[in-house]
Amino acid sequence: MKRKIVREYGNNRAVKQEEWKLRLYVTDWTPRCTIAYKNIKRICAERLKDRCEIEVIDLLKNPEAARREQIVAIPTLMKVAPKPERVLVGDFSKEERVLKGLDIETTTPK
């Protein structure tokens, strides 16, 4: 996967901005999965701007993905890129926990 790197200069230092790829595993569109998707989409829009891609995988339509990725709870969010990979479970309503879990700086401007 080719990564786009943009350098911004602020506070006299260069900051690398990489493309983010997230996978959200759901089962159908239950209320909890819908809330999780909306929360992740909002966080990406506010914190990562146009540098984030969210792939939604419905485990009812693609059950082999659950076995392959060892998904045991839903909704599950997997950070695929940038490395290291991270896995989070829940509805992602606590933004600070999501930012920490995805290793997104909480000082990133909104």
N, C-alpha and C. Protein backbone atom coordinates (compact mmCIF):
# COMPACT_ATOMS: atom_id res chain seq x y z
N MET A 1 0.84 -1.17 0.00
CA MET A 1 0.00 0.00 0.00
C MET A 1 0.89 1.24 0.00
N LYS A 2 0.68 2.11 -0.90
CA LYS A 2 1.45 3.34 -1.01
C LYS A 2 0.92 4.35 0.00
N ARG A 3 1.83 4.95 0.75
CA ARG A 3 1.43 5.95 1.74
C ARG A 3 1.76 7.33 1.23
N LYS A 4 0.83 8.21 1.41
CA LYS A 4 1.01 9.61 1.04
C LYS A 4 1.53 10.34 2.27
N ILE A 5 2.66 11.00 2.12
CA ILE A 5 3.23 11.73 3.23
C ILE A 5 3.25 13.21 2.89
N VAL A 6 2.65 13.98 3.76
CA VAL A 6 2.60 15.42 3.58
C VAL A 6 3.35 16.02 4.76
N ARG A 7 4.19 16.97 4.50
CA ARG A 7 4.90 17.62 5.59
C ARG A 7 4.31 19.00 5.83
N GLU A 8 3.93 19.21 7.08
CA GLU A 8 3.43 20.52 7.50
C GLU A 8 4.45 21.08 8.47
N TYR A 9 4.66 22.37 8.39
CA TYR A 9 5.63 23.00 9.27
C TYR A 9 4.90 23.88 10.27
N GLY A 10 5.06 23.52 11.51
CA GLY A 10 4.46 24.26 12.60
C GLY A 10 5.33 24.07 13.82
N ASN A 11 5.44 25.06 14.64
CA ASN A 11 6.30 24.98 15.83
C ASN A 11 7.73 24.58 15.46
N ASN A 12 8.18 25.00 14.29
CA ASN A 12 9.55 24.77 13.82
C ASN A 12 9.92 23.30 13.69
N ARG A 13 8.96 22.42 13.40
CA ARG A 13 9.29 21.02 13.16
C ARG A 13 8.35 20.46 12.11
N ALA A 14 8.86 19.49 11.37
CA ALA A 14 8.06 18.85 10.33
C ALA A 14 7.23 17.73 10.96
N VAL A 15 5.97 17.65 10.58
CA VAL A 15 5.08 16.62 11.10
C VAL A 15 4.62 15.76 9.92
N LYS A 16 4.85 14.43 10.00
CA LYS A 16 4.41 13.55 8.93
C LYS A 16 2.93 13.24 9.10
N GLN A 17 2.21 13.30 8.00
CA GLN A 17 0.80 12.94 8.02
C GLN A 17 0.60 11.78 7.07
N GLU A 18 0.20 10.63 7.62
CA GLU A 18 0.05 9.43 6.83
C GLU A 18 -1.42 9.13 6.58
N GLU A 19 -1.62 8.32 5.56
CA GLU A 19 -2.97 7.83 5.29
C GLU A 19 -3.35 6.81 6.36
N TRP A 20 -4.58 6.88 6.83
CA TRP A 20 -5.08 5.95 7.83
C TRP A 20 -6.07 5.00 7.18
N LYS A 21 -5.97 3.73 7.53
CA LYS A 21 -6.91 2.73 7.06
C LYS A 21 -7.46 2.00 8.28
N LEU A 22 -8.79 2.07 8.44
CA LEU A 22 -9.47 1.43 9.55
C LEU A 22 -10.46 0.42 9.01
N ARG A 23 -10.64 -0.69 9.75
CA ARG A 23 -11.66 -1.68 9.41
C ARG A 23 -12.61 -1.79 10.58
N LEU A 24 -13.88 -1.63 10.30
CA LEU A 24 -14.91 -1.76 11.33
C LEU A 24 -15.70 -3.03 11.05
N TYR A 25 -15.66 -3.95 12.00
CA TYR A 25 -16.38 -5.22 11.87
C TYR A 25 -17.71 -5.08 12.60
N VAL A 26 -18.80 -5.37 11.88
CA VAL A 26 -20.16 -5.25 12.42
C VAL A 26 -20.93 -6.52 12.12
N THR A 27 -22.10 -6.66 12.76
CA THR A 27 -23.05 -7.70 12.36
C THR A 27 -24.34 -6.99 12.01
N ASP A 28 -24.60 -6.95 10.73
CA ASP A 28 -25.74 -6.20 10.23
C ASP A 28 -25.56 -4.76 10.70
N TRP A 29 -26.60 -3.99 10.79
CA TRP A 29 -26.50 -2.62 11.29
C TRP A 29 -27.32 -2.50 12.55
N THR A 30 -26.88 -3.20 13.60
CA THR A 30 -27.53 -3.10 14.90
C THR A 30 -27.34 -1.69 15.43
N PRO A 31 -28.17 -1.27 16.40
CA PRO A 31 -27.99 0.09 16.94
C PRO A 31 -26.58 0.35 17.46
N ARG A 32 -26.00 -0.61 18.14
CA ARG A 32 -24.63 -0.45 18.67
C ARG A 32 -23.61 -0.29 17.54
N CYS A 33 -23.76 -1.06 16.47
CA CYS A 33 -22.84 -0.95 15.33
C CYS A 33 -23.02 0.39 14.61
N THR A 34 -24.25 0.84 14.50
CA THR A 34 -24.53 2.13 13.86
C THR A 34 -23.90 3.27 14.65
N ILE A 35 -24.05 3.22 15.98
CA ILE A 35 -23.45 4.25 16.83
C ILE A 35 -21.93 4.23 16.70
N ALA A 36 -21.36 3.03 16.69
CA ALA A 36 -19.91 2.90 16.56
C ALA A 36 -19.43 3.51 15.25
N TYR A 37 -20.12 3.22 14.16
CA TYR A 37 -19.74 3.76 12.86
C TYR A 37 -19.81 5.29 12.85
N LYS A 38 -20.89 5.83 13.39
CA LYS A 38 -21.05 7.29 13.41
C LYS A 38 -19.95 7.95 14.25
N ASN A 39 -19.62 7.33 15.39
CA ASN A 39 -18.57 7.89 16.25
C ASN A 39 -17.21 7.86 15.56
N ILE A 40 -16.88 6.75 14.94
CA ILE A 40 -15.58 6.64 14.24
C ILE A 40 -15.53 7.60 13.07
N LYS A 41 -16.62 7.70 12.32
CA LYS A 41 -16.66 8.61 11.18
C LYS A 41 -16.46 10.06 11.64
N ARG A 42 -17.09 10.43 12.75
CA ARG A 42 -16.94 11.79 13.29
C ARG A 42 -15.50 12.05 13.74
N ILE A 43 -14.93 11.10 14.47
CA ILE A 43 -13.55 11.25 14.94
C ILE A 43 -12.59 11.38 13.76
N CYS A 44 -12.78 10.57 12.74
CA CYS A 44 -11.93 10.66 11.56
C CYS A 44 -12.08 12.01 10.86
N ALA A 45 -13.31 12.48 10.73
CA ALA A 45 -13.54 13.76 10.06
C ALA A 45 -12.91 14.91 10.83
N GLU A 46 -12.99 14.86 12.15
CA GLU A 46 -12.45 15.95 12.97
C GLU A 46 -10.94 15.88 13.14
N ARG A 47 -10.40 14.69 13.32
CA ARG A 47 -8.99 14.54 13.67
C ARG A 47 -8.08 14.20 12.50
N LEU A 48 -8.60 13.44 11.53
CA LEU A 48 -7.74 12.95 10.45
C LEU A 48 -8.09 13.57 9.10
N LYS A 49 -9.12 14.39 9.09
CA LYS A 49 -9.58 15.08 7.87
C LYS A 49 -9.76 14.09 6.72
N ASP A 50 -9.13 14.33 5.60
CA ASP A 50 -9.30 13.47 4.42
C ASP A 50 -8.23 12.40 4.32
N ARG A 51 -7.60 12.07 5.44
CA ARG A 51 -6.52 11.08 5.44
C ARG A 51 -6.98 9.73 5.97
N CYS A 52 -8.28 9.49 6.07
CA CYS A 52 -8.78 8.28 6.71
C CYS A 52 -9.77 7.54 5.80
N GLU A 53 -9.57 6.24 5.71
CA GLU A 53 -10.49 5.37 4.97
C GLU A 53 -11.05 4.35 5.97
N ILE A 54 -12.38 4.23 6.00
CA ILE A 54 -13.03 3.27 6.89
C ILE A 54 -13.67 2.19 6.02
N GLU A 55 -13.22 0.96 6.20
CA GLU A 55 -13.79 -0.19 5.51
C GLU A 55 -14.71 -0.90 6.49
N VAL A 56 -15.97 -1.08 6.13
CA VAL A 56 -16.93 -1.75 7.00
C VAL A 56 -17.13 -3.17 6.49
N ILE A 57 -16.96 -4.13 7.40
CA ILE A 57 -17.11 -5.54 7.05
C ILE A 57 -18.23 -6.12 7.89
N ASP A 58 -19.31 -6.55 7.22
CA ASP A 58 -20.45 -7.16 7.89
C ASP A 58 -20.15 -8.65 8.04
N LEU A 59 -20.02 -9.09 9.28
CA LEU A 59 -19.63 -10.48 9.54
C LEU A 59 -20.75 -11.48 9.25
N LEU A 60 -21.98 -11.00 9.13
CA LEU A 60 -23.06 -11.92 8.72
C LEU A 60 -22.92 -12.26 7.23
N LYS A 61 -22.42 -11.32 6.45
CA LYS A 61 -22.22 -11.55 5.02
C LYS A 61 -20.85 -12.14 4.73
N ASN A 62 -19.91 -11.98 5.65
CA ASN A 62 -18.53 -12.41 5.43
C ASN A 62 -18.01 -13.09 6.71
N PRO A 63 -18.60 -14.23 7.11
CA PRO A 63 -18.21 -14.87 8.38
C PRO A 63 -16.76 -15.34 8.42
N GLU A 64 -16.17 -15.65 7.28
CA GLU A 64 -14.78 -16.11 7.29
C GLU A 64 -13.83 -15.00 7.76
N ALA A 65 -14.23 -13.75 7.62
CA ALA A 65 -13.41 -12.63 8.10
C ALA A 65 -13.29 -12.69 9.63
N ALA A 66 -14.34 -13.10 10.30
CA ALA A 66 -14.31 -13.21 11.77
C ALA A 66 -13.30 -14.27 12.20
N ARG A 67 -13.29 -15.38 11.50
CA ARG A 67 -12.34 -16.44 11.82
C ARG A 67 -10.91 -16.01 11.49
N ARG A 68 -10.74 -15.43 10.33
CA ARG A 68 -9.40 -15.02 9.87
C ARG A 68 -8.78 -13.97 10.78
N GLU A 69 -9.58 -12.99 11.18
CA GLU A 69 -9.08 -11.88 12.01
C GLU A 69 -9.30 -12.11 13.50
N GLN A 70 -9.89 -13.27 13.86
CA GLN A 70 -10.15 -13.64 15.25
C GLN A 70 -11.01 -12.60 15.97
N ILE A 71 -12.09 -12.19 15.31
CA ILE A 71 -13.03 -11.23 15.88
C ILE A 71 -13.97 -11.99 16.80
N VAL A 72 -14.02 -11.60 18.07
CA VAL A 72 -14.87 -12.30 19.04
C VAL A 72 -15.95 -11.40 19.62
N ALA A 73 -15.90 -10.10 19.34
CA ALA A 73 -16.91 -9.16 19.83
C ALA A 73 -17.16 -8.12 18.75
N ILE A 74 -18.36 -7.58 18.77
CA ILE A 74 -18.68 -6.53 17.80
C ILE A 74 -19.31 -5.35 18.53
N PRO A 75 -19.17 -4.18 18.02
CA PRO A 75 -18.33 -3.82 16.89
C PRO A 75 -16.84 -3.81 17.28
N THR A 76 -16.00 -4.21 16.34
CA THR A 76 -14.55 -4.21 16.52
C THR A 76 -13.94 -3.31 15.48
N LEU A 77 -13.02 -2.47 15.90
CA LEU A 77 -12.31 -1.57 15.00
C LEU A 77 -10.86 -1.98 14.95
N MET A 78 -10.34 -2.16 13.75
CA MET A 78 -8.94 -2.52 13.57
C MET A 78 -8.23 -1.39 12.82
N LYS A 79 -7.16 -0.89 13.41
CA LYS A 79 -6.31 0.09 12.73
C LYS A 79 -5.30 -0.71 11.92
N VAL A 80 -5.39 -0.61 10.60
CA VAL A 80 -4.52 -1.36 9.70
C VAL A 80 -3.28 -0.54 9.36
N ALA A 81 -3.47 0.74 9.13
CA ALA A 81 -2.36 1.62 8.79
C ALA A 81 -2.64 2.98 9.38
N PRO A 82 -1.66 3.71 9.82
CA PRO A 82 -0.25 3.35 9.87
C PRO A 82 0.02 2.33 10.98
N LYS A 83 1.13 1.65 10.87
CA LYS A 83 1.52 0.64 11.85
C LYS A 83 1.86 1.33 13.16
N PRO A 84 1.76 0.72 14.30
CA PRO A 84 1.38 -0.67 14.52
C PRO A 84 -0.13 -0.85 14.47
N GLU A 85 -0.54 -2.08 14.13
CA GLU A 85 -1.96 -2.38 14.11
C GLU A 85 -2.49 -2.33 15.54
N ARG A 86 -3.74 -1.91 15.65
CA ARG A 86 -4.41 -1.84 16.95
C ARG A 86 -5.82 -2.38 16.78
N VAL A 87 -6.38 -2.94 17.85
CA VAL A 87 -7.76 -3.44 17.83
C VAL A 87 -8.51 -2.85 19.01
N LEU A 88 -9.70 -2.29 18.73
CA LEU A 88 -10.56 -1.71 19.76
C LEU A 88 -11.95 -2.33 19.64
N VAL A 89 -12.63 -2.46 20.77
CA VAL A 89 -13.98 -3.02 20.79
C VAL A 89 -14.88 -2.06 21.55
N GLY A 90 -16.10 -1.85 21.05
CA GLY A 90 -17.06 -1.02 21.75
C GLY A 90 -17.81 -0.11 20.81
N ASP A 91 -18.50 0.89 21.40
CA ASP A 91 -19.26 1.81 20.55
C ASP A 91 -18.49 3.10 20.27
N PHE A 92 -17.29 3.21 20.87
CA PHE A 92 -16.35 4.31 20.59
C PHE A 92 -16.92 5.68 20.93
N SER A 93 -17.77 5.73 21.98
CA SER A 93 -18.38 6.99 22.38
C SER A 93 -17.44 7.84 23.25
N LYS A 94 -16.43 7.24 23.85
CA LYS A 94 -15.46 7.99 24.66
C LYS A 94 -14.27 8.35 23.79
N GLU A 95 -14.32 9.56 23.25
CA GLU A 95 -13.35 10.00 22.25
C GLU A 95 -11.91 9.90 22.74
N GLU A 96 -11.63 10.31 23.95
CA GLU A 96 -10.25 10.28 24.46
C GLU A 96 -9.70 8.86 24.47
N ARG A 97 -10.53 7.88 24.83
CA ARG A 97 -10.09 6.48 24.84
C ARG A 97 -9.83 5.99 23.42
N VAL A 98 -10.67 6.40 22.48
CA VAL A 98 -10.48 6.00 21.08
C VAL A 98 -9.19 6.61 20.54
N LEU A 99 -8.97 7.89 20.81
CA LEU A 99 -7.75 8.56 20.34
C LEU A 99 -6.52 7.88 20.90
N LYS A 100 -6.56 7.55 22.19
CA LYS A 100 -5.42 6.86 22.80
C LYS A 100 -5.25 5.46 22.21
N GLY A 101 -6.35 4.75 22.05
CA GLY A 101 -6.31 3.40 21.50
C GLY A 101 -5.77 3.33 20.08
N LEU A 102 -6.10 4.35 19.29
CA LEU A 102 -5.62 4.41 17.90
C LEU A 102 -4.26 5.09 17.79
N ASP A 103 -3.78 5.60 18.91
CA ASP A 103 -2.50 6.31 18.94
C ASP A 103 -2.55 7.58 18.10
N ILE A 104 -3.65 8.32 18.26
CA ILE A 104 -3.80 9.62 17.61
C ILE A 104 -3.51 10.67 18.67
N GLU A 105 -2.63 11.58 18.37
CA GLU A 105 -2.31 12.62 19.34
C GLU A 105 -3.56 13.42 19.69
N THR A 106 -3.78 13.60 20.97
CA THR A 106 -4.96 14.35 21.41
C THR A 106 -4.77 15.84 21.19
N THR A 107 -3.56 16.25 20.82
CA THR A 107 -3.31 17.66 20.54
C THR A 107 -3.48 17.99 19.06
N THR A 108 -3.87 16.97 18.26
CA THR A 108 -4.09 17.21 16.84
C THR A 108 -5.19 18.24 16.69
N PRO A 109 -4.96 19.30 15.92
CA PRO A 109 -5.97 20.34 15.79
C PRO A 109 -7.24 19.82 15.14
N LYS A 110 -8.36 20.34 15.65
CA LYS A 110 -9.66 19.94 15.09
C LYS A 110 -9.98 20.75 13.86
